[in-house]
PDB file of all heavy atoms in Angstrom:
ATOM      1  N   GLY A   1     -13.388   8.897   0.651  1.00  0.00           N
ATOM      2  CA  GLY A   1     -14.082   7.660   0.367  1.00  0.00           C
ATOM      3  C   GLY A   1     -13.217   6.484   0.712  1.00  0.00           C
ATOM      4  O   GLY A   1     -12.053   6.575   0.848  1.00  0.00           O
ATOM      5  N   LEU A   2     -13.854   5.325   0.886  1.00  0.00           N
ATOM      6  CA  LEU A   2     -13.196   4.210   1.465  1.00  0.00           C
ATOM      7  C   LEU A   2     -12.059   3.630   0.546  1.00  0.00           C
ATOM      8  O   LEU A   2     -10.900   3.548   1.015  1.00  0.00           O
ATOM      9  CB  LEU A   2     -14.165   3.066   1.764  1.00  0.00           C
ATOM     10  CG  LEU A   2     -13.601   1.967   2.593  1.00  0.00           C
ATOM     11  CD1 LEU A   2     -14.550   1.597   3.681  1.00  0.00           C
ATOM     12  CD2 LEU A   2     -13.227   0.712   1.712  1.00  0.00           C
ATOM     13  N   GLU A   3     -12.305   3.401  -0.743  1.00  0.00           N
ATOM     14  CA  GLU A   3     -11.242   2.818  -1.583  1.00  0.00           C
ATOM     15  C   GLU A   3     -10.173   3.769  -1.837  1.00  0.00           C
ATOM     16  O   GLU A   3      -8.956   3.448  -1.689  1.00  0.00           O
ATOM     17  CB  GLU A   3     -11.880   2.273  -2.815  1.00  0.00           C
ATOM     18  CG  GLU A   3     -12.707   1.017  -2.701  1.00  0.00           C
ATOM     19  CD  GLU A   3     -13.158   0.505  -3.966  1.00  0.00           C
ATOM     20  OE1 GLU A   3     -12.300   0.000  -4.707  1.00  0.00           O
ATOM     21  OE2 GLU A   3     -14.352   0.388  -4.256  1.00  0.00           O
ATOM     22  N   PRO A   4     -10.409   5.076  -2.119  1.00  0.00           N
ATOM     23  CA  PRO A   4      -9.252   5.987  -2.282  1.00  0.00           C
ATOM     24  C   PRO A   4      -8.401   6.063  -0.987  1.00  0.00           C
ATOM     25  O   PRO A   4      -7.159   6.239  -1.110  1.00  0.00           O
ATOM     26  CB  PRO A   4      -9.934   7.252  -2.613  1.00  0.00           C
ATOM     27  CG  PRO A   4     -11.213   6.940  -3.250  1.00  0.00           C
ATOM     28  CD  PRO A   4     -11.657   5.743  -2.556  1.00  0.00           C
ATOM     29  N   ALA A   5      -9.013   5.964   0.171  1.00  0.00           N
ATOM     30  CA  ALA A   5      -8.296   6.029   1.427  1.00  0.00           C
ATOM     31  C   ALA A   5      -7.482   4.862   1.560  1.00  0.00           C
ATOM     32  O   ALA A   5      -6.254   4.913   1.882  1.00  0.00           O
ATOM     33  CB  ALA A   5      -9.289   6.156   2.616  1.00  0.00           C
ATOM     34  N   LEU A   6      -7.962   3.611   1.234  1.00  0.00           N
ATOM     35  CA  LEU A   6      -7.151   2.398   1.364  1.00  0.00           C
ATOM     36  C   LEU A   6      -6.033   2.456   0.419  1.00  0.00           C
ATOM     37  O   LEU A   6      -4.951   1.919   0.736  1.00  0.00           O
ATOM     38  CB  LEU A   6      -8.103   1.206   1.086  1.00  0.00           C
ATOM     39  CG  LEU A   6      -9.230   0.968   2.104  1.00  0.00           C
ATOM     40  CD1 LEU A   6     -10.001  -0.322   1.698  1.00  0.00           C
ATOM     41  CD2 LEU A   6      -8.683   0.804   3.526  1.00  0.00           C
ATOM     42  N   GLU A   7      -6.184   3.001  -0.744  1.00  0.00           N
ATOM     43  CA  GLU A   7      -5.154   3.037  -1.714  1.00  0.00           C
ATOM     44  C   GLU A   7      -3.964   3.908  -1.222  1.00  0.00           C
ATOM     45  O   GLU A   7      -2.868   3.694  -1.769  1.00  0.00           O
ATOM     46  CB  GLU A   7      -5.734   3.539  -3.076  1.00  0.00           C
ATOM     47  CG  GLU A   7      -6.646   2.463  -3.821  1.00  0.00           C
ATOM     48  CD  GLU A   7      -7.406   3.194  -4.904  1.00  0.00           C
ATOM     49  OE1 GLU A   7      -7.271   4.345  -5.124  1.00  0.00           O
ATOM     50  OE2 GLU A   7      -8.173   2.351  -5.532  1.00  0.00           O
ATOM     51  N   ARG A   8      -4.225   4.798  -0.376  1.00  0.00           N
ATOM     52  CA  ARG A   8      -3.141   5.590   0.123  1.00  0.00           C
ATOM     53  C   ARG A   8      -2.433   5.065   1.290  1.00  0.00           C
ATOM     54  O   ARG A   8      -1.375   5.507   1.730  1.00  0.00           O
ATOM     55  CB  ARG A   8      -3.682   6.957   0.609  1.00  0.00           C
ATOM     56  CG  ARG A   8      -4.295   7.820  -0.590  1.00  0.00           C
ATOM     57  CD  ARG A   8      -4.912   9.091   0.030  1.00  0.00           C
ATOM     58  NE  ARG A   8      -5.611   9.885  -1.005  1.00  0.00           N
ATOM     59  CZ  ARG A   8      -5.415  11.129  -1.311  1.00  0.00           C
ATOM     60  NH1 ARG A   8      -4.413  11.824  -0.665  1.00  0.00           N
ATOM     61  NH2 ARG A   8      -6.029  11.657  -2.323  1.00  0.00           N
ATOM     62  N   THR A   9      -2.922   3.916   1.786  1.00  0.00           N
ATOM     63  CA  THR A   9      -2.358   3.331   3.008  1.00  0.00           C
ATOM     64  C   THR A   9      -1.204   2.437   2.682  1.00  0.00           C
ATOM     65  O   THR A   9      -1.102   1.788   1.691  1.00  0.00           O
ATOM     66  CB  THR A   9      -3.430   2.556   3.803  1.00  0.00           C
ATOM     67  OG1 THR A   9      -3.789   1.401   2.961  1.00  0.00           O
ATOM     68  CG2 THR A   9      -4.579   3.298   4.239  1.00  0.00           C
ATOM     69  N   ASN A  10      -0.337   2.452   3.644  1.00  0.00           N
ATOM     70  CA  ASN A  10       0.833   1.440   3.741  1.00  0.00           C
ATOM     71  C   ASN A  10       0.634   0.693   5.032  1.00  0.00           C
ATOM     72  O   ASN A  10       0.968   1.308   6.161  1.00  0.00           O
ATOM     73  CB  ASN A  10       2.190   2.157   3.601  1.00  0.00           C
ATOM     74  CG  ASN A  10       3.378   1.170   3.698  1.00  0.00           C
ATOM     75  OD1 ASN A  10       3.202  -0.028   4.105  1.00  0.00           O
ATOM     76  ND2 ASN A  10       4.523   1.599   3.159  1.00  0.00           N
ATOM     77  N   GLY A  11       0.123  -0.514   5.026  1.00  0.00           N
ATOM     78  CA  GLY A  11      -0.122  -1.115   6.324  1.00  0.00           C
ATOM     79  C   GLY A  11      -0.680  -2.448   6.169  1.00  0.00           C
ATOM     80  O   GLY A  11      -0.818  -3.049   5.070  1.00  0.00           O
ATOM     81  N   MET A  12      -1.088  -3.060   7.391  1.00  0.00           N
ATOM     82  CA  MET A  12      -1.787  -4.301   7.494  1.00  0.00           C
ATOM     83  C   MET A  12      -3.102  -4.122   8.254  1.00  0.00           C
ATOM     84  O   MET A  12      -3.064  -3.379   9.222  1.00  0.00           O
ATOM     85  CB  MET A  12      -0.899  -5.344   8.175  1.00  0.00           C
ATOM     86  CG  MET A  12      -0.429  -4.941   9.595  1.00  0.00           C
ATOM     87  SD  MET A  12       0.412  -6.269  10.457  1.00  0.00           S
ATOM     88  CE  MET A  12       0.844  -5.436  11.934  1.00  0.00           C
ATOM     89  N   PHE A  13      -4.208  -4.684   7.736  1.00  0.00           N
ATOM     90  CA  PHE A  13      -5.425  -4.271   8.433  1.00  0.00           C
ATOM     91  C   PHE A  13      -6.568  -5.204   8.007  1.00  0.00           C
ATOM     92  O   PHE A  13      -6.529  -5.829   6.921  1.00  0.00           O
ATOM     93  CB  PHE A  13      -5.828  -2.817   8.122  1.00  0.00           C
ATOM     94  CG  PHE A  13      -5.855  -2.529   6.629  1.00  0.00           C
ATOM     95  CD1 PHE A  13      -7.012  -2.844   5.898  1.00  0.00           C
ATOM     96  CD2 PHE A  13      -4.809  -1.844   6.090  1.00  0.00           C
ATOM     97  CE1 PHE A  13      -6.979  -2.491   4.462  1.00  0.00           C
ATOM     98  CE2 PHE A  13      -4.844  -1.547   4.674  1.00  0.00           C
ATOM     99  CZ  PHE A  13      -5.901  -1.932   3.894  1.00  0.00           C
ATOM    100  N   ALA A  14      -7.581  -5.315   8.826  1.00  0.00           N
ATOM    101  CA  ALA A  14      -8.899  -5.870   8.530  1.00  0.00           C
ATOM    102  C   ALA A  14      -9.797  -4.813   9.149  1.00  0.00           C
ATOM    103  O   ALA A  14      -9.736  -4.524  10.325  1.00  0.00           O
ATOM    104  CB  ALA A  14      -9.082  -7.156   9.070  1.00  0.00           C
ATOM    105  N   ILE A  15     -10.737  -4.287   8.384  1.00  0.00           N
ATOM    106  CA  ILE A  15     -11.573  -3.199   8.825  1.00  0.00           C
ATOM    107  C   ILE A  15     -13.058  -3.573   8.497  1.00  0.00           C
ATOM    108  O   ILE A  15     -13.432  -4.239   7.640  1.00  0.00           O
ATOM    109  CB  ILE A  15     -11.265  -1.909   8.274  1.00  0.00           C
ATOM    110  CG1 ILE A  15     -11.620  -1.798   6.745  1.00  0.00           C
ATOM    111  CG2 ILE A  15      -9.806  -1.544   8.519  1.00  0.00           C
ATOM    112  CD1 ILE A  15     -11.543  -0.382   6.220  1.00  0.00           C
ATOM    113  N   ALA A  16     -13.915  -2.947   9.354  1.00  0.00           N
ATOM    114  CA  ALA A  16     -15.441  -2.846   9.093  1.00  0.00           C
ATOM    115  C   ALA A  16     -15.823  -1.457   9.256  1.00  0.00           C
ATOM    116  O   ALA A  16     -15.596  -0.871  10.295  1.00  0.00           O
ATOM    117  CB  ALA A  16     -16.199  -3.813  10.011  1.00  0.00           C
ATOM    118  N   ALA A  17     -16.346  -0.863   8.238  1.00  0.00           N
ATOM    119  CA  ALA A  17     -16.751   0.504   8.223  1.00  0.00           C
ATOM    120  C   ALA A  17     -18.279   0.658   7.874  1.00  0.00           C
ATOM    121  O   ALA A  17     -18.661   0.241   6.778  1.00  0.00           O
ATOM    122  CB  ALA A  17     -15.901   1.283   7.238  1.00  0.00           C
ATOM    123  N   TRP A  18     -18.979   1.199   8.790  1.00  0.00           N
ATOM    124  CA  TRP A  18     -20.468   1.450   8.547  1.00  0.00           C
ATOM    125  C   TRP A  18     -20.690   2.854   7.975  1.00  0.00           C
ATOM    126  O   TRP A  18     -20.264   3.905   8.577  1.00  0.00           O
ATOM    127  CB  TRP A  18     -21.174   1.316   9.871  1.00  0.00           C
ATOM    128  CG  TRP A  18     -22.604   1.757   9.808  1.00  0.00           C
ATOM    129  CD1 TRP A  18     -23.108   2.927  10.522  1.00  0.00           C
ATOM    130  CD2 TRP A  18     -23.720   1.162   9.088  1.00  0.00           C
ATOM    131  NE1 TRP A  18     -24.503   2.961  10.217  1.00  0.00           N
ATOM    132  CE2 TRP A  18     -24.853   2.009   9.424  1.00  0.00           C
ATOM    133  CE3 TRP A  18     -23.806   0.133   8.289  1.00  0.00           C
ATOM    134  CZ2 TRP A  18     -26.091   1.714   8.826  1.00  0.00           C
ATOM    135  CZ3 TRP A  18     -25.022  -0.177   7.774  1.00  0.00           C
ATOM    136  CH2 TRP A  18     -26.160   0.620   8.085  1.00  0.00           C
ATOM    137  N   ASP A  19     -21.250   2.955   6.845  1.00  0.00           N
ATOM    138  CA  ASP A  19     -21.612   4.277   6.170  1.00  0.00           C
ATOM    139  C   ASP A  19     -23.088   4.400   6.521  1.00  0.00           C
ATOM    140  O   ASP A  19     -23.971   3.930   5.971  1.00  0.00           O
ATOM    141  CB  ASP A  19     -21.456   4.033   4.674  1.00  0.00           C
ATOM    142  CG  ASP A  19     -21.731   5.325   3.923  1.00  0.00           C
ATOM    143  OD1 ASP A  19     -22.175   6.274   4.538  1.00  0.00           O
ATOM    144  OD2 ASP A  19     -21.390   5.372   2.703  1.00  0.00           O
ATOM    145  N   ARG A  20     -23.249   5.413   7.357  1.00  0.00           N
ATOM    146  CA  ARG A  20     -24.613   5.771   7.914  1.00  0.00           C
ATOM    147  C   ARG A  20     -25.468   6.316   6.751  1.00  0.00           C
ATOM    148  O   ARG A  20     -26.638   6.022   6.633  1.00  0.00           O
ATOM    149  CB  ARG A  20     -24.519   6.795   8.981  1.00  0.00           C
ATOM    150  CG  ARG A  20     -25.813   7.216   9.648  1.00  0.00           C
ATOM    151  CD  ARG A  20     -25.640   8.511  10.489  1.00  0.00           C
ATOM    152  NE  ARG A  20     -25.239   9.593   9.525  1.00  0.00           N
ATOM    153  CZ  ARG A  20     -24.865  10.832   9.950  1.00  0.00           C
ATOM    154  NH1 ARG A  20     -24.861  11.048  11.232  1.00  0.00           N
ATOM    155  NH2 ARG A  20     -24.499  11.744   9.147  1.00  0.00           N
ATOM    156  N   ASP A  21     -24.877   7.100   5.846  1.00  0.00           N
ATOM    157  CA  ASP A  21     -25.669   7.719   4.832  1.00  0.00           C
ATOM    158  C   ASP A  21     -26.233   6.732   3.802  1.00  0.00           C
ATOM    159  O   ASP A  21     -27.359   6.837   3.343  1.00  0.00           O
ATOM    160  CB  ASP A  21     -24.792   8.866   4.062  1.00  0.00           C
ATOM    161  CG  ASP A  21     -24.530   9.954   4.967  1.00  0.00           C
ATOM    162  OD1 ASP A  21     -24.980  10.032   6.187  1.00  0.00           O
ATOM    163  OD2 ASP A  21     -23.719  10.937   4.529  1.00  0.00           O
ATOM    164  N   ARG A  22     -25.418   5.808   3.371  1.00  0.00           N
ATOM    165  CA  ARG A  22     -25.800   4.860   2.392  1.00  0.00           C
ATOM    166  C   ARG A  22     -26.358   3.537   3.047  1.00  0.00           C
ATOM    167  O   ARG A  22     -26.777   2.673   2.337  1.00  0.00           O
ATOM    168  CB  ARG A  22     -24.621   4.501   1.517  1.00  0.00           C
ATOM    169  CG  ARG A  22     -24.029   5.730   0.724  1.00  0.00           C
ATOM    170  CD  ARG A  22     -22.778   5.351   0.008  1.00  0.00           C
ATOM    171  NE  ARG A  22     -22.977   4.240  -1.022  1.00  0.00           N
ATOM    172  CZ  ARG A  22     -22.096   3.302  -1.283  1.00  0.00           C
ATOM    173  NH1 ARG A  22     -20.868   3.408  -0.804  1.00  0.00           N
ATOM    174  NH2 ARG A  22     -22.284   2.425  -2.138  1.00  0.00           N
ATOM    175  N   ARG A  23     -26.254   3.389   4.315  1.00  0.00           N
ATOM    176  CA  ARG A  23     -26.715   2.207   5.028  1.00  0.00           C
ATOM    177  C   ARG A  23     -25.922   0.995   4.470  1.00  0.00           C
ATOM    178  O   ARG A  23     -26.601  -0.052   4.110  1.00  0.00           O
ATOM    179  CB  ARG A  23     -28.199   1.978   4.917  1.00  0.00           C
ATOM    180  CG  ARG A  23     -28.950   3.129   5.672  1.00  0.00           C
ATOM    181  CD  ARG A  23     -30.456   2.861   5.513  1.00  0.00           C
ATOM    182  NE  ARG A  23     -30.960   1.761   6.311  1.00  0.00           N
ATOM    183  CZ  ARG A  23     -32.117   1.143   6.179  1.00  0.00           C
ATOM    184  NH1 ARG A  23     -33.013   1.782   5.362  1.00  0.00           N
ATOM    185  NH2 ARG A  23     -32.410   0.122   6.869  1.00  0.00           N
ATOM    186  N   ILE A  24     -24.636   1.090   4.379  1.00  0.00           N
ATOM    187  CA  ILE A  24     -23.811   0.012   3.881  1.00  0.00           C
ATOM    188  C   ILE A  24     -22.768  -0.251   4.802  1.00  0.00           C
ATOM    189  O   ILE A  24     -22.085   0.701   5.291  1.00  0.00           O
ATOM    190  CB  ILE A  24     -23.305   0.315   2.452  1.00  0.00           C
ATOM    191  CG1 ILE A  24     -24.444   0.311   1.364  1.00  0.00           C
ATOM    192  CG2 ILE A  24     -22.207  -0.566   1.938  1.00  0.00           C
ATOM    193  CD1 ILE A  24     -23.938   0.720   0.062  1.00  0.00           C
ATOM    194  N   LEU A  25     -22.485  -1.548   5.140  1.00  0.00           N
ATOM    195  CA  LEU A  25     -21.252  -1.927   5.872  1.00  0.00           C
ATOM    196  C   LEU A  25     -20.235  -2.452   4.847  1.00  0.00           C
ATOM    197  O   LEU A  25     -20.591  -3.228   3.969  1.00  0.00           O
ATOM    198  CB  LEU A  25     -21.643  -3.070   6.902  1.00  0.00           C
ATOM    199  CG  LEU A  25     -20.453  -3.495   7.666  1.00  0.00           C
ATOM    200  CD1 LEU A  25     -20.081  -2.518   8.696  1.00  0.00           C
ATOM    201  CD2 LEU A  25     -20.809  -4.825   8.369  1.00  0.00           C
ATOM    202  N   VAL A  26     -19.019  -1.891   5.055  1.00  0.00           N
ATOM    203  CA  VAL A  26     -17.958  -2.365   4.074  1.00  0.00           C
ATOM    204  C   VAL A  26     -16.883  -3.077   4.853  1.00  0.00           C
ATOM    205  O   VAL A  26     -16.351  -2.469   5.909  1.00  0.00           O
ATOM    206  CB  VAL A  26     -17.327  -1.154   3.302  1.00  0.00           C
ATOM    207  CG1 VAL A  26     -16.373  -1.585   2.295  1.00  0.00           C
ATOM    208  CG2 VAL A  26     -18.444  -0.361   2.652  1.00  0.00           C
ATOM    209  N   LEU A  27     -16.533  -4.217   4.442  1.00  0.00           N
ATOM    210  CA  LEU A  27     -15.404  -4.925   5.022  1.00  0.00           C
ATOM    211  C   LEU A  27     -14.228  -4.918   4.017  1.00  0.00           C
ATOM    212  O   LEU A  27     -14.421  -4.972   2.818  1.00  0.00           O
ATOM    213  CB  LEU A  27     -15.658  -6.439   5.285  1.00  0.00           C
ATOM    214  CG  LEU A  27     -16.975  -6.799   6.099  1.00  0.00           C
ATOM    215  CD1 LEU A  27     -17.062  -8.291   6.328  1.00  0.00           C
ATOM    216  CD2 LEU A  27     -17.006  -6.062   7.395  1.00  0.00           C
ATOM    217  N   ALA A  28     -13.017  -4.769   4.529  1.00  0.00           N
ATOM    218  CA  ALA A  28     -11.876  -4.736   3.637  1.00  0.00           C
ATOM    219  C   ALA A  28     -10.676  -5.363   4.377  1.00  0.00           C
ATOM    220  O   ALA A  28     -10.506  -5.289   5.600  1.00  0.00           O
ATOM    221  CB  ALA A  28     -11.502  -3.302   3.263  1.00  0.00           C
ATOM    222  N   ARG A  29      -9.875  -5.913   3.518  1.00  0.00           N
ATOM    223  CA  ARG A  29      -8.610  -6.611   4.039  1.00  0.00           C
ATOM    224  C   ARG A  29      -7.440  -6.078   3.388  1.00  0.00           C
ATOM    225  O   ARG A  29      -7.460  -5.653   2.234  1.00  0.00           O
ATOM    226  CB  ARG A  29      -8.772  -8.117   3.838  1.00  0.00           C
ATOM    227  CG  ARG A  29      -7.758  -8.947   4.635  1.00  0.00           C
ATOM    228  CD  ARG A  29      -8.069 -10.447   4.494  1.00  0.00           C
ATOM    229  NE  ARG A  29      -7.193 -11.346   5.271  1.00  0.00           N
ATOM    230  CZ  ARG A  29      -6.948 -12.519   5.026  1.00  0.00           C
ATOM    231  NH1 ARG A  29      -7.635 -13.185   4.058  1.00  0.00           N
ATOM    232  NH2 ARG A  29      -6.101 -13.249   5.681  1.00  0.00           N
ATOM    233  N   ASP A  30      -6.238  -6.099   4.049  1.00  0.00           N
ATOM    234  CA  ASP A  30      -5.026  -5.491   3.491  1.00  0.00           C
ATOM    235  C   ASP A  30      -4.536  -6.321   2.300  1.00  0.00           C
ATOM    236  O   ASP A  30      -4.990  -7.415   1.926  1.00  0.00           O
ATOM    237  CB  ASP A  30      -3.931  -5.467   4.517  1.00  0.00           C
ATOM    238  CG  ASP A  30      -3.545  -6.853   5.116  1.00  0.00           C
ATOM    239  OD1 ASP A  30      -2.960  -7.627   4.277  1.00  0.00           O
ATOM    240  OD2 ASP A  30      -3.788  -7.122   6.269  1.00  0.00           O
ATOM    241  N   ARG A  31      -3.657  -5.746   1.603  1.00  0.00           N
ATOM    242  CA  ARG A  31      -3.226  -6.152   0.251  1.00  0.00           C
ATOM    243  C   ARG A  31      -2.763  -7.685   0.288  1.00  0.00           C
ATOM    244  O   ARG A  31      -3.045  -8.419  -0.667  1.00  0.00           O
ATOM    245  CB  ARG A  31      -2.076  -5.310  -0.292  1.00  0.00           C
ATOM    246  CG  ARG A  31      -2.484  -3.928  -0.641  1.00  0.00           C
ATOM    247  CD  ARG A  31      -1.307  -2.993  -0.865  1.00  0.00           C
ATOM    248  NE  ARG A  31      -1.655  -1.657  -1.210  1.00  0.00           N
ATOM    249  CZ  ARG A  31      -1.914  -0.650  -0.429  1.00  0.00           C
ATOM    250  NH1 ARG A  31      -1.986  -0.879   0.899  1.00  0.00           N
ATOM    251  NH2 ARG A  31      -2.239   0.505  -0.849  1.00  0.00           N
ATOM    252  N   LEU A  32      -2.035  -8.070   1.302  1.00  0.00           N
ATOM    253  CA  LEU A  32      -1.460  -9.439   1.277  1.00  0.00           C
ATOM    254  C   LEU A  32      -2.128 -10.300   2.322  1.00  0.00           C
ATOM    255  O   LEU A  32      -1.679 -11.406   2.585  1.00  0.00           O
ATOM    256  CB  LEU A  32       0.036  -9.361   1.453  1.00  0.00           C
ATOM    257  CG  LEU A  32       0.867  -8.747   0.437  1.00  0.00           C
ATOM    258  CD1 LEU A  32       2.381  -8.734   0.725  1.00  0.00           C
ATOM    259  CD2 LEU A  32       0.547  -9.286  -0.914  1.00  0.00           C
ATOM    260  N   GLY A  33      -3.201  -9.816   2.995  1.00  0.00           N
ATOM    261  CA  GLY A  33      -3.988 -10.647   3.884  1.00  0.00           C
ATOM    262  C   GLY A  33      -3.243 -10.991   5.176  1.00  0.00           C
ATOM    263  O   GLY A  33      -3.362 -12.072   5.707  1.00  0.00           O
ATOM    264  N   GLU A  34      -2.526 -10.008   5.701  1.00  0.00           N
ATOM    265  CA  GLU A  34      -1.809 -10.220   6.950  1.00  0.00           C
ATOM    266  C   GLU A  34      -2.803 -10.347   8.106  1.00  0.00           C
ATOM    267  O   GLU A  34      -2.555 -11.145   9.041  1.00  0.00           O
ATOM    268  CB  GLU A  34      -0.814  -9.045   7.225  1.00  0.00           C
ATOM    269  CG  GLU A  34       0.305  -9.122   6.382  1.00  0.00           C
ATOM    270  CD  GLU A  34       1.369  -8.013   6.724  1.00  0.00           C
ATOM    271  OE1 GLU A  34       1.905  -8.084   7.843  1.00  0.00           O
ATOM    272  OE2 GLU A  34       1.564  -7.049   5.998  1.00  0.00           O
ATOM    273  N   LYS A  35      -3.888  -9.579   8.074  1.00  0.00           N
ATOM    274  CA  LYS A  35      -4.941  -9.684   9.161  1.00  0.00           C
ATOM    275  C   LYS A  35      -6.155 -10.487   8.633  1.00  0.00           C
ATOM    276  O   LYS A  35      -6.620 -10.254   7.560  1.00  0.00           O
ATOM    277  CB  LYS A  35      -5.304  -8.206   9.588  1.00  0.00           C
ATOM    278  CG  LYS A  35      -4.166  -7.431  10.222  1.00  0.00           C
ATOM    279  CD  LYS A  35      -3.713  -8.173  11.447  1.00  0.00           C
ATOM    280  CE  LYS A  35      -2.616  -7.369  12.155  1.00  0.00           C
ATOM    281  NZ  LYS A  35      -2.140  -8.166  13.390  1.00  0.00           N
ATOM    282  N   PRO A  36      -6.680 -11.360   9.519  1.00  0.00           N
ATOM    283  CA  PRO A  36      -7.798 -12.196   9.067  1.00  0.00           C
ATOM    284  C   PRO A  36      -9.121 -11.574   9.171  1.00  0.00           C
ATOM    285  O   PRO A  36      -9.301 -10.619   9.991  1.00  0.00           O
ATOM    286  CB  PRO A  36      -7.712 -13.380  10.063  1.00  0.00           C
ATOM    287  CG  PRO A  36      -7.171 -12.710  11.355  1.00  0.00           C
ATOM    288  CD  PRO A  36      -6.241 -11.668  10.833  1.00  0.00           C
ATOM    289  N   LEU A  37     -10.034 -12.006   8.365  1.00  0.00           N
ATOM    290  CA  LEU A  37     -11.364 -11.507   8.394  1.00  0.00           C
ATOM    291  C   LEU A  37     -12.447 -12.555   7.769  1.00  0.00           C
ATOM    292  O   LEU A  37     -12.210 -12.988   6.731  1.00  0.00           O
ATOM    293  CB  LEU A  37     -11.531 -10.163   7.681  1.00  0.00           C
ATOM    294  CG  LEU A  37     -12.838  -9.380   7.907  1.00  0.00           C
ATOM    295  CD1 LEU A  37     -13.053  -9.076   9.404  1.00  0.00           C
ATOM    296  CD2 LEU A  37     -12.809  -8.034   7.182  1.00  0.00           C
ATOM    297  N   TYR A  38     -13.332 -12.969   8.639  1.00  0.00           N
ATOM    298  CA  TYR A  38     -14.297 -14.047   8.228  1.00  0.00           C
ATOM    299  C   TYR A  38     -15.673 -13.473   8.197  1.00  0.00           C
ATOM    300  O   TYR A  38     -16.073 -12.568   8.991  1.00  0.00           O
ATOM    301  CB  TYR A  38     -14.214 -15.215   9.202  1.00  0.00           C
ATOM    302  CG  TYR A  38     -12.827 -15.849   9.322  1.00  0.00           C
ATOM    303  CD1 TYR A  38     -11.907 -15.488  10.151  1.00  0.00           C
ATOM    304  CD2 TYR A  38     -12.582 -16.914   8.372  1.00  0.00           C
ATOM    305  CE1 TYR A  38     -10.678 -16.104  10.224  1.00  0.00           C
ATOM    306  CE2 TYR A  38     -11.233 -17.570   8.434  1.00  0.00           C
ATOM    307  CZ  TYR A  38     -10.330 -17.036   9.399  1.00  0.00           C
ATOM    308  OH  TYR A  38      -9.106 -17.708   9.465  1.00  0.00           O
ATOM    309  N   TRP A  39     -16.588 -14.103   7.348  1.00  0.00           N
ATOM    310  CA  TRP A  39     -17.914 -13.609   7.369  1.00  0.00           C
ATOM    311  C   TRP A  39     -18.867 -14.730   6.979  1.00  0.00           C
ATOM    312  O   TRP A  39     -18.497 -15.797   6.355  1.00  0.00           O
ATOM    313  CB  TRP A  39     -18.154 -12.380   6.443  1.00  0.00           C
ATOM    314  CG  TRP A  39     -17.863 -12.794   4.919  1.00  0.00           C
ATOM    315  CD1 TRP A  39     -16.604 -12.803   4.240  1.00  0.00           C
ATOM    316  CD2 TRP A  39     -18.806 -13.184   3.902  1.00  0.00           C
ATOM    317  NE1 TRP A  39     -16.802 -13.047   2.931  1.00  0.00           N
ATOM    318  CE2 TRP A  39     -18.050 -13.410   2.735  1.00  0.00           C
ATOM    319  CE3 TRP A  39     -20.171 -13.421   3.930  1.00  0.00           C
ATOM    320  CZ2 TRP A  39     -18.703 -13.780   1.526  1.00  0.00           C
ATOM    321  CZ3 TRP A  39     -20.827 -13.766   2.764  1.00  0.00           C
ATOM    322  CH2 TRP A  39     -20.036 -13.953   1.519  1.00  0.00           C
ATOM    323  N   MET A  40     -20.106 -14.532   7.326  1.00  0.00           N
ATOM    324  CA  MET A  40     -21.178 -15.579   6.940  1.00  0.00           C
ATOM    325  C   MET A  40     -22.586 -14.874   6.934  1.00  0.00           C
ATOM    326  O   MET A  40     -22.707 -13.837   7.529  1.00  0.00           O
ATOM    327  CB  MET A  40     -21.193 -16.711   8.007  1.00  0.00           C
ATOM    328  CG  MET A  40     -21.625 -16.234   9.477  1.00  0.00           C
ATOM    329  SD  MET A  40     -21.663 -17.644  10.630  1.00  0.00           S
ATOM    330  CE  MET A  40     -23.139 -18.535   9.925  1.00  0.00           C
ATOM    331  N   ARG A  41     -23.463 -15.612   6.340  1.00  0.00           N
ATOM    332  CA  ARG A  41     -24.836 -15.132   6.239  1.00  0.00           C
ATOM    333  C   ARG A  41     -25.675 -16.124   7.062  1.00  0.00           C
ATOM    334  O   ARG A  41     -25.472 -17.315   7.042  1.00  0.00           O
ATOM    335  CB  ARG A  41     -25.344 -15.044   4.842  1.00  0.00           C
ATOM    336  CG  ARG A  41     -24.619 -14.032   3.973  1.00  0.00           C
ATOM    337  CD  ARG A  41     -25.264 -13.837   2.662  1.00  0.00           C
ATOM    338  NE  ARG A  41     -26.564 -13.259   2.817  1.00  0.00           N
ATOM    339  CZ  ARG A  41     -27.323 -12.830   1.844  1.00  0.00           C
ATOM    340  NH1 ARG A  41     -26.869 -12.826   0.584  1.00  0.00           N
ATOM    341  NH2 ARG A  41     -28.520 -12.256   1.983  1.00  0.00           N
ATOM    342  N   GLN A  42     -26.743 -15.600   7.733  1.00  0.00           N
ATOM    343  CA  GLN A  42     -27.709 -16.422   8.370  1.00  0.00           C
ATOM    344  C   GLN A  42     -29.041 -16.150   7.689  1.00  0.00           C
ATOM    345  O   GLN A  42     -29.671 -15.096   7.909  1.00  0.00           O
ATOM    346  CB  GLN A  42     -27.893 -16.121   9.829  1.00  0.00           C
ATOM    347  CG  GLN A  42     -26.663 -16.525  10.719  1.00  0.00           C
ATOM    348  CD  GLN A  42     -26.848 -16.202  12.150  1.00  0.00           C
ATOM    349  OE1 GLN A  42     -26.540 -15.089  12.629  1.00  0.00           O
ATOM    350  NE2 GLN A  42     -27.270 -17.219  12.870  1.00  0.00           N
TER     351      GLN A  42
END
């Protein structure tokens, strides 16, 4: 699962993960925000 996997990581990251089964896109950013990630709605 996404959150348990992130909790095991030691790193810097910005990710977008598409879950085909639940039809959900998940964005996540590393603990201290080393990598940037922006979003908006239209």
